[in-house]
Structures are given as C-alpha cells and as structure tokens.
Amino acid sequence: MCMPVSDTAHLVLKWEYGSFKSSLKKIDMDIKFKSAFDAVRFALCYSHQQYGHTLMAKLLPSAPSGKGMGLVGLDGAGQAGQIRRELAELPDLYHAVLVARAALPDMPCDCGRPCCSKHKTNEEWCSAIGRLTEASAAHASGFSHYRVRRTIIEKLFNKKGKNLTEISKRCDAHVNTVINHQAAVRRWIFGNPKTREPGIEDTAWARIEQRLTQLGLLETEETSRARATS
C-alpha cells in the first residue's frame, strides 16, 4: 500500500505509543509526495529544528502548515538528501530555477538579538536568483541592466515585487527598458505561448519529476488507485 505524505500522521501516532513496530526506514518505501514541487520544497526547507516537538504534533492536521512534509528525524534527513542529490545532478540553470521557485526567500530566525526581525534572508534562494540574473543577460536585447533583471526575477519568483514603474525608479532605468527586460525574461523562464516553446522552468520541472518518479518518490495514478482500493 502506498500513501501520500498527508496520510502519515496516524502511523506516527502509533509509532510514538509503541504499537507501530516497523522502523521509519520501512515507512520510507511507502511515502509518496503528491508533486515534484512538494518533494523539492520539503528537501529545501528540511531541518532538524522543525521537528523540535513530538513527531505526532508536527504531522497531525492541526500542525502549522509549511513546516515540512515527508519523513522525520534521520529518515527525513536521508529523504531530503536524496532529493537534493537529484537536484544537484541537474544542469545548474535547472537547479537554480527550481530553487528559486520552491525555496523560501526568507527563513525564520531566532537569534534573540534586539535587532532581530524574526526572519533572515535565505542565502540559497538569493544565490539561485543571482545565477538566473547572470544567465538572463543573454536573453535581454539591447542595453542589459543587471539591477533591472535581478529585480524582475525576484518579482517573478516572490510575487511581492514592485510594479514596473517602481522598478524603473528604483533602478534608475527608463521604463521602456524595464518593460523590454521583463518580456524577455518572462519568455525565457516561462516559455512562449504563441510558439509553444517551453521555458526553462517547465523543462526543469519535467526533468526532476521524471527522476523522482523513477525513484518512487512521487504518487502516480497507479499508486493512487492502489491506495484507494486498499
């Protein structure tokens, strides 16, 4: 029987109270992520600190969302490491675009300093944005403005960015430059719907989805049917 990540809570409950005798390593074979995005987000956000409470408390439906999926403890670290290894084997731009999409731009911070804002910049996300910004220069015609391209890419992957007029003022660039850069960057990342040419992001997701499916980490139609009839 195969199960999605969201169905593991009752297993953890039994495990904590001694009635579930199998090891978490055995559960690993049955864990299925519902999408490649869920798997990549889990791997990028995984940390032992997120499981400071009991396993049951973290996996029950009432637990705060966004705290992680998949296995826990050492098994979770192994699962996250396996997914990260597959990411690392992708071409660097595929890796960068997946990190930019699935990683959190900011991470919680509990340093306790008086100036602490309770969050800090995720350096892995920033590095991915930087790599995409460098590569995007080849797709921006005419005068290529680094700050404009980076701000646009941050906006595309964070959804909290400024509008084009604000970007123009912030980067001291003509609004037409910003418009042209955004069109070129969007076409490169998301593809061209008119010509049906795929963008780098769709290509990257297709590649990692294929690999994670081969490894048995993603729920497929077959595993869904098996779970429904079990």
C-alpha atoms as a PDB file:
ATOM      1  CA  MET A   1       0.000   0.000   0.000  1.00  0.00           C
ATOM      2  CA  CYS A   2       1.282   3.427  -0.899  1.00  0.00           C
ATOM      3  CA  MET A   3       0.285   6.600   0.903  1.00  0.00           C
ATOM      4  CA  PRO A   4       0.692  10.339   0.366  1.00  0.00           C
ATOM      5  CA  VAL A   5       2.641  12.355   2.873  1.00  0.00           C
ATOM      6  CA  SER A   6      -0.546  13.737   4.383  1.00  0.00           C
ATOM      7  CA  ASP A   7      -1.617  10.224   5.476  1.00  0.00           C
ATOM      8  CA  THR A   8       1.381   9.549   7.748  1.00  0.00           C
ATOM      9  CA  ALA A   9       0.027  11.175  10.912  1.00  0.00           C
ATOM     10  CA  HIS A  10      -1.783   8.091  12.218  1.00  0.00           C
ATOM     11  CA  LEU A  11       1.331   5.966  11.611  1.00  0.00           C
ATOM     12  CA  VAL A  12       3.462   8.358  13.628  1.00  0.00           C
ATOM     13  CA  LEU A  13       0.841   8.342  16.380  1.00  0.00           C
ATOM     14  CA  LYS A  14       1.062   4.550  16.603  1.00  0.00           C
ATOM     15  CA  TRP A  15       4.847   4.659  16.448  1.00  0.00           C
ATOM     16  CA  GLU A  16       5.116   7.106  19.334  1.00  0.00           C
ATOM     17  CA  TYR A  17       2.966   4.936  21.561  1.00  0.00           C
ATOM     18  CA  GLY A  18       4.747   1.700  20.719  1.00  0.00           C
ATOM     19  CA  SER A  19       2.078  -0.073  18.673  1.00  0.00           C
ATOM     20  CA  PHE A  20       3.751   0.554  15.357  1.00  0.00           C
ATOM     21  CA  LYS A  21       6.703  -1.850  15.307  1.00  0.00           C
ATOM     22  CA  SER A  22       8.192  -1.240  11.883  1.00  0.00           C
ATOM     23  CA  SER A  23      11.091   1.138  11.545  1.00  0.00           C
ATOM     24  CA  LEU A  24      10.782   4.542   9.890  1.00  0.00           C
ATOM     25  CA  LYS A  25      13.134   3.185   7.287  1.00  0.00           C
ATOM     26  CA  LYS A  26      10.401   0.821   6.182  1.00  0.00           C
ATOM     27  CA  ILE A  27       7.884   3.665   6.002  1.00  0.00           C
ATOM     28  CA  ASP A  28      10.280   5.389   3.622  1.00  0.00           C
ATOM     29  CA  MET A  29       9.341   2.904   0.912  1.00  0.00           C
ATOM     30  CA  ASP A  30       5.678   3.890   1.135  1.00  0.00           C
ATOM     31  CA  ILE A  31       5.983   7.665   1.370  1.00  0.00           C
ATOM     32  CA  LYS A  32       4.790   9.396  -1.784  1.00  0.00           C
ATOM     33  CA  PHE A  33       4.826  13.117  -2.496  1.00  0.00           C
ATOM     34  CA  LYS A  34       1.852  14.393  -4.445  1.00  0.00           C
ATOM     35  CA  SER A  35       4.003  16.529  -6.740  1.00  0.00           C
ATOM     36  CA  ALA A  36       7.585  17.281  -7.635  1.00  0.00           C
ATOM     37  CA  PHE A  37       7.113  20.735  -6.131  1.00  0.00           C
ATOM     38  CA  ASP A  38       6.126  19.224  -2.756  1.00  0.00           C
ATOM     39  CA  ALA A  39       9.191  16.989  -2.816  1.00  0.00           C
ATOM     40  CA  VAL A  40      11.601  19.784  -3.720  1.00  0.00           C
ATOM     41  CA  ARG A  41      10.054  22.201  -1.217  1.00  0.00           C
ATOM     42  CA  PHE A  42      10.409  19.548   1.506  1.00  0.00           C
ATOM     43  CA  ALA A  43      14.074  18.948   0.696  1.00  0.00           C
ATOM     44  CA  LEU A  44      14.934  22.646   0.569  1.00  0.00           C
ATOM     45  CA  CYS A  45      13.109  23.502   3.787  1.00  0.00           C
ATOM     46  CA  TYR A  46      14.029  20.436   5.800  1.00  0.00           C
ATOM     47  CA  SER A  47      15.876  20.916   9.072  1.00  0.00           C
ATOM     48  CA  HIS A  48      16.005  19.022  12.321  1.00  0.00           C
ATOM     49  CA  GLN A  49      14.834  22.140  14.149  1.00  0.00           C
ATOM     50  CA  GLN A  50      11.412  21.878  12.552  1.00  0.00           C
ATOM     51  CA  TYR A  51      10.831  18.672  14.491  1.00  0.00           C
ATOM     52  CA  GLY A  52      11.561  20.060  17.934  1.00  0.00           C
ATOM     53  CA  HIS A  53       8.134  18.927  19.126  1.00  0.00           C
ATOM     54  CA  THR A  54       6.933  15.339  19.036  1.00  0.00           C
ATOM     55  CA  LEU A  55       6.559  13.690  15.663  1.00  0.00           C
ATOM     56  CA  MET A  56       2.841  13.350  16.186  1.00  0.00           C
ATOM     57  CA  ALA A  57       2.392  17.057  16.925  1.00  0.00           C
ATOM     58  CA  LYS A  58       4.239  18.015  13.781  1.00  0.00           C
ATOM     59  CA  LEU A  59       2.305  15.711  11.452  1.00  0.00           C
ATOM     60  CA  LEU A  60      -1.249  15.986  12.755  1.00  0.00           C
ATOM     61  CA  PRO A  61      -3.567  18.089  10.560  1.00  0.00           C
ATOM     62  CA  SER A  62      -3.697  20.830  13.183  1.00  0.00           C
ATOM     63  CA  ALA A  63       0.050  21.365  12.963  1.00  0.00           C
ATOM     64  CA  PRO A  64       1.162  24.663  11.372  1.00  0.00           C
ATOM     65  CA  SER A  65       1.430  24.460   7.614  1.00  0.00           C
ATOM     66  CA  GLY A  66       4.729  24.940   5.812  1.00  0.00           C
ATOM     67  CA  LYS A  67       6.732  23.127   8.468  1.00  0.00           C
ATOM     68  CA  GLY A  68       7.732  20.275   6.218  1.00  0.00           C
ATOM     69  CA  MET A  69       6.424  17.054   4.765  1.00  0.00           C
ATOM     70  CA  GLY A  70       7.777  13.570   4.318  1.00  0.00           C
ATOM     71  CA  LEU A  71       9.743  11.625   6.889  1.00  0.00           C
ATOM     72  CA  VAL A  72      11.217  12.925  10.112  1.00  0.00           C
ATOM     73  CA  GLY A  73      14.448  12.716  12.063  1.00  0.00           C
ATOM     74  CA  LEU A  74      17.315  10.842  10.412  1.00  0.00           C
ATOM     75  CA  ASP A  75      14.980   9.267   7.869  1.00  0.00           C
ATOM     76  CA  GLY A  76      13.739  12.704   6.904  1.00  0.00           C
ATOM     77  CA  ALA A  77      17.309  13.916   6.529  1.00  0.00           C
ATOM     78  CA  GLY A  78      18.054  10.953   4.284  1.00  0.00           C
ATOM     79  CA  GLN A  79      14.992  11.582   2.161  1.00  0.00           C
ATOM     80  CA  ALA A  80      15.795  15.293   1.852  1.00  0.00           C
ATOM     81  CA  GLY A  81      19.383  14.423   0.976  1.00  0.00           C
ATOM     82  CA  GLN A  82      18.236  12.037  -1.742  1.00  0.00           C
ATOM     83  CA  ILE A  83      16.089  14.725  -3.356  1.00  0.00           C
ATOM     84  CA  ARG A  84      18.853  17.322  -3.043  1.00  0.00           C
ATOM     85  CA  ARG A  85      21.275  14.933  -4.732  1.00  0.00           C
ATOM     86  CA  GLU A  86      18.953  14.693  -7.720  1.00  0.00           C
ATOM     87  CA  LEU A  87      18.710  18.488  -7.828  1.00  0.00           C
ATOM     88  CA  ALA A  88      22.489  18.794  -7.764  1.00  0.00           C
ATOM     89  CA  GLU A  89      22.809  16.488 -10.771  1.00  0.00           C
ATOM     90  CA  LEU A  90      20.652  18.744 -12.935  1.00  0.00           C
ATOM     91  CA  PRO A  91      22.229  21.406 -15.181  1.00  0.00           C
ATOM     92  CA  ASP A  92      22.960  24.402 -12.987  1.00  0.00           C
ATOM     93  CA  LEU A  93      20.272  26.646 -14.518  1.00  0.00           C
ATOM     94  CA  TYR A  94      17.615  23.960 -13.990  1.00  0.00           C
ATOM     95  CA  HIS A  95      18.800  23.640 -10.415  1.00  0.00           C
ATOM     96  CA  ALA A  96      18.684  27.398  -9.942  1.00  0.00           C
ATOM     97  CA  VAL A  97      15.180  27.845 -11.334  1.00  0.00           C
ATOM     98  CA  LEU A  98      13.783  25.047  -9.140  1.00  0.00           C
ATOM     99  CA  VAL A  99      15.391  26.514  -6.031  1.00  0.00           C
ATOM    100  CA  ALA A 100      14.091  29.967  -6.945  1.00  0.00           C
ATOM    101  CA  ARG A 101      10.557  28.580  -7.215  1.00  0.00           C
ATOM    102  CA  ALA A 102      10.442  26.091  -4.343  1.00  0.00           C
ATOM    103  CA  ALA A 103      12.712  27.595  -1.673  1.00  0.00           C
ATOM    104  CA  LEU A 104      11.512  30.234   0.755  1.00  0.00           C
ATOM    105  CA  PRO A 105      13.014  33.704   0.154  1.00  0.00           C
ATOM    106  CA  ASP A 106      13.165  34.261   3.916  1.00  0.00           C
ATOM    107  CA  MET A 107      13.769  31.811   6.732  1.00  0.00           C
ATOM    108  CA  PRO A 108      12.764  32.030  10.409  1.00  0.00           C
ATOM    109  CA  CYS A 109      15.401  33.496  12.718  1.00  0.00           C
ATOM    110  CA  ASP A 110      15.536  33.004  16.483  1.00  0.00           C
ATOM    111  CA  CYS A 111      18.946  34.534  17.212  1.00  0.00           C
ATOM    112  CA  GLY A 112      17.417  36.530  20.059  1.00  0.00           C
ATOM    113  CA  ARG A 113      19.274  39.745  19.268  1.00  0.00           C
ATOM    114  CA  PRO A 114      17.421  43.022  19.952  1.00  0.00           C
ATOM    115  CA  CYS A 115      17.516  43.881  16.251  1.00  0.00           C
ATOM    116  CA  CYS A 116      16.110  40.517  15.160  1.00  0.00           C
ATOM    117  CA  SER A 117      13.119  40.750  12.816  1.00  0.00           C
ATOM    118  CA  LYS A 118      12.331  37.043  13.336  1.00  0.00           C
ATOM    119  CA  HIS A 119      13.359  36.229   9.779  1.00  0.00           C
ATOM    120  CA  LYS A 120      16.534  36.226   7.712  1.00  0.00           C
ATOM    121  CA  THR A 121      17.385  36.034   4.027  1.00  0.00           C
ATOM    122  CA  ASN A 122      17.632  32.544   2.582  1.00  0.00           C
ATOM    123  CA  GLU A 123      21.089  32.591   1.018  1.00  0.00           C
ATOM    124  CA  GLU A 124      20.334  29.542  -1.132  1.00  0.00           C
ATOM    125  CA  TRP A 125      17.371  31.344  -2.710  1.00  0.00           C
ATOM    126  CA  CYS A 126      19.435  34.505  -3.238  1.00  0.00           C
ATOM    127  CA  SER A 127      22.197  32.511  -4.892  1.00  0.00           C
ATOM    128  CA  ALA A 128      19.697  30.936  -7.286  1.00  0.00           C
ATOM    129  CA  ILE A 129      18.264  34.360  -8.151  1.00  0.00           C
ATOM    130  CA  GLY A 130      21.791  35.625  -8.802  1.00  0.00           C
ATOM    131  CA  ARG A 131      22.577  32.722 -11.127  1.00  0.00           C
ATOM    132  CA  LEU A 132      19.372  33.294 -13.106  1.00  0.00           C
ATOM    133  CA  THR A 133      20.099  37.024 -13.284  1.00  0.00           C
ATOM    134  CA  GLU A 134      23.519  36.389 -14.807  1.00  0.00           C
ATOM    135  CA  ALA A 135      22.150  33.923 -17.352  1.00  0.00           C
ATOM    136  CA  SER A 136      19.245  36.186 -18.310  1.00  0.00           C
ATOM    137  CA  ALA A 137      21.660  38.708 -19.860  1.00  0.00           C
ATOM    138  CA  ALA A 138      21.859  36.520 -22.961  1.00  0.00           C
ATOM    139  CA  HIS A 139      18.101  36.883 -23.453  1.00  0.00           C
ATOM    140  CA  ALA A 140      17.739  40.650 -22.916  1.00  0.00           C
ATOM    141  CA  SER A 141      18.217  42.518 -26.182  1.00  0.00           C
ATOM    142  CA  GLY A 142      19.853  45.940 -26.360  1.00  0.00           C
ATOM    143  CA  PHE A 143      21.288  47.531 -23.235  1.00  0.00           C
ATOM    144  CA  SER A 144      21.272  44.927 -20.467  1.00  0.00           C
ATOM    145  CA  HIS A 145      20.663  46.329 -16.986  1.00  0.00           C
ATOM    146  CA  TYR A 146      21.693  43.923 -14.184  1.00  0.00           C
ATOM    147  CA  ARG A 147      19.671  45.552 -11.401  1.00  0.00           C
ATOM    148  CA  VAL A 148      16.548  45.631 -13.555  1.00  0.00           C
ATOM    149  CA  ARG A 149      16.907  41.964 -14.494  1.00  0.00           C
ATOM    150  CA  ARG A 150      17.512  40.894 -10.908  1.00  0.00           C
ATOM    151  CA  THR A 151      14.570  42.884  -9.567  1.00  0.00           C
ATOM    152  CA  ILE A 152      12.296  41.429 -12.247  1.00  0.00           C
ATOM    153  CA  ILE A 153      13.435  37.878 -11.494  1.00  0.00           C
ATOM    154  CA  GLU A 154      12.931  38.418  -7.758  1.00  0.00           C
ATOM    155  CA  LYS A 155       9.426  39.643  -8.550  1.00  0.00           C
ATOM    156  CA  LEU A 156       8.646  36.646 -10.764  1.00  0.00           C
ATOM    157  CA  PHE A 157       9.679  34.196  -8.056  1.00  0.00           C
ATOM    158  CA  ASN A 158       8.456  36.046  -4.975  1.00  0.00           C
ATOM    159  CA  LYS A 159       5.214  37.743  -6.133  1.00  0.00           C
ATOM    160  CA  LYS A 160       5.875  40.565  -3.667  1.00  0.00           C
ATOM    161  CA  GLY A 161       7.965  42.631  -6.007  1.00  0.00           C
ATOM    162  CA  LYS A 162       7.357  46.173  -7.183  1.00  0.00           C
ATOM    163  CA  ASN A 163       5.460  47.114 -10.341  1.00  0.00           C
ATOM    164  CA  LEU A 164       7.337  48.152 -13.475  1.00  0.00           C
ATOM    165  CA  THR A 165       7.169  51.879 -12.729  1.00  0.00           C
ATOM    166  CA  GLU A 166       8.580  51.332  -9.246  1.00  0.00           C
ATOM    167  CA  ILE A 167      11.320  49.097 -10.662  1.00  0.00           C
ATOM    168  CA  SER A 168      12.194  51.824 -13.164  1.00  0.00           C
ATOM    169  CA  LYS A 169      12.573  54.409 -10.396  1.00  0.00           C
ATOM    170  CA  ARG A 170      14.391  52.088  -8.029  1.00  0.00           C
ATOM    171  CA  CYS A 171      16.921  51.014 -10.656  1.00  0.00           C
ATOM    172  CA  ASP A 172      17.220  54.419 -12.323  1.00  0.00           C
ATOM    173  CA  ALA A 173      16.299  52.910 -15.682  1.00  0.00           C
ATOM    174  CA  HIS A 174      13.886  54.006 -18.391  1.00  0.00           C
ATOM    175  CA  VAL A 175      10.501  52.327 -18.084  1.00  0.00           C
ATOM    176  CA  ASN A 176      10.808  51.008 -21.645  1.00  0.00           C
ATOM    177  CA  THR A 177      13.989  49.215 -20.637  1.00  0.00           C
ATOM    178  CA  VAL A 178      12.146  47.593 -17.750  1.00  0.00           C
ATOM    179  CA  ILE A 179       9.239  46.557 -19.997  1.00  0.00           C
ATOM    180  CA  ASN A 180      11.560  45.034 -22.605  1.00  0.00           C
ATOM    181  CA  HIS A 181      13.610  43.229 -19.977  1.00  0.00           C
ATOM    182  CA  GLN A 182      10.542  41.772 -18.308  1.00  0.00           C
ATOM    183  CA  ALA A 183       9.153  40.482 -21.609  1.00  0.00           C
ATOM    184  CA  ALA A 184      12.467  38.818 -22.469  1.00  0.00           C
ATOM    185  CA  VAL A 185      12.988  37.310 -19.004  1.00  0.00           C
ATOM    186  CA  ARG A 186       9.411  36.015 -18.785  1.00  0.00           C
ATOM    187  CA  ARG A 187       9.713  34.393 -22.220  1.00  0.00           C
ATOM    188  CA  TRP A 188      12.975  32.716 -21.204  1.00  0.00           C
ATOM    189  CA  ILE A 189      11.648  31.421 -17.887  1.00  0.00           C
ATOM    190  CA  PHE A 190       8.003  30.669 -18.699  1.00  0.00           C
ATOM    191  CA  GLY A 191       8.173  29.991 -22.425  1.00  0.00           C
ATOM    192  CA  ASN A 192       6.389  31.471 -25.428  1.00  0.00           C
ATOM    193  CA  PRO A 193       2.665  30.548 -25.572  1.00  0.00           C
ATOM    194  CA  LYS A 194       2.406  31.694 -29.190  1.00  0.00           C
ATOM    195  CA  THR A 195       5.112  29.360 -30.464  1.00  0.00           C
ATOM    196  CA  ARG A 196       4.514  26.819 -27.667  1.00  0.00           C
ATOM    197  CA  GLU A 197       8.214  26.903 -26.921  1.00  0.00           C
ATOM    198  CA  PRO A 198       8.692  25.748 -23.300  1.00  0.00           C
ATOM    199  CA  GLY A 199      10.515  27.907 -20.818  1.00  0.00           C
ATOM    200  CA  ILE A 200      13.420  26.851 -18.685  1.00  0.00           C
ATOM    201  CA  GLU A 201      11.188  26.368 -15.621  1.00  0.00           C
ATOM    202  CA  ASP A 202       8.788  23.901 -17.261  1.00  0.00           C
ATOM    203  CA  THR A 203      11.725  21.979 -18.690  1.00  0.00           C
ATOM    204  CA  ALA A 204      13.406  21.811 -15.275  1.00  0.00           C
ATOM    205  CA  TRP A 205      10.250  20.609 -13.523  1.00  0.00           C
ATOM    206  CA  ALA A 206       9.704  17.935 -16.179  1.00  0.00           C
ATOM    207  CA  ARG A 207      13.257  16.697 -15.678  1.00  0.00           C
ATOM    208  CA  ILE A 208      13.103  16.461 -11.878  1.00  0.00           C
ATOM    209  CA  GLU A 209       9.583  14.997 -11.940  1.00  0.00           C
ATOM    210  CA  GLN A 210      10.735  12.222 -14.241  1.00  0.00           C
ATOM    211  CA  ARG A 211      13.670  11.412 -11.986  1.00  0.00           C
ATOM    212  CA  LEU A 212      11.698  11.478  -8.718  1.00  0.00           C
ATOM    213  CA  THR A 213       9.029   9.273 -10.277  1.00  0.00           C
ATOM    214  CA  GLN A 214      11.690   6.771 -11.304  1.00  0.00           C
ATOM    215  CA  LEU A 215      12.910   6.734  -7.702  1.00  0.00           C
ATOM    216  CA  GLY A 216       9.385   6.041  -6.448  1.00  0.00           C
ATOM    217  CA  LEU A 217       9.092   9.299  -4.510  1.00  0.00           C
ATOM    218  CA  LEU A 218       6.049  10.689  -6.336  1.00  0.00           C
ATOM    219  CA  GLU A 219       2.492   9.459  -6.231  1.00  0.00           C
ATOM    220  CA  THR A 220       1.369   8.199  -9.636  1.00  0.00           C
ATOM    221  CA  GLU A 221      -2.014   7.121 -10.988  1.00  0.00           C
ATOM    222  CA  GLU A 222      -1.106   3.540 -10.138  1.00  0.00           C
ATOM    223  CA  THR A 223      -0.201   4.318  -6.527  1.00  0.00           C
ATOM    224  CA  SER A 224      -3.325   6.466  -6.174  1.00  0.00           C
ATOM    225  CA  ARG A 225      -5.519   3.595  -7.340  1.00  0.00           C
ATOM    226  CA  ALA A 226      -3.699   1.167  -5.019  1.00  0.00           C
ATOM    227  CA  ARG A 227      -4.300   3.490  -2.067  1.00  0.00           C
ATOM    228  CA  ALA A 228      -7.973   3.969  -2.985  1.00  0.00           C
ATOM    229  CA  THR A 229      -8.626   0.221  -3.129  1.00  0.00           C
ATOM    230  CA  SER A 230      -6.636  -0.681  -0.027  1.00  0.00           C
END
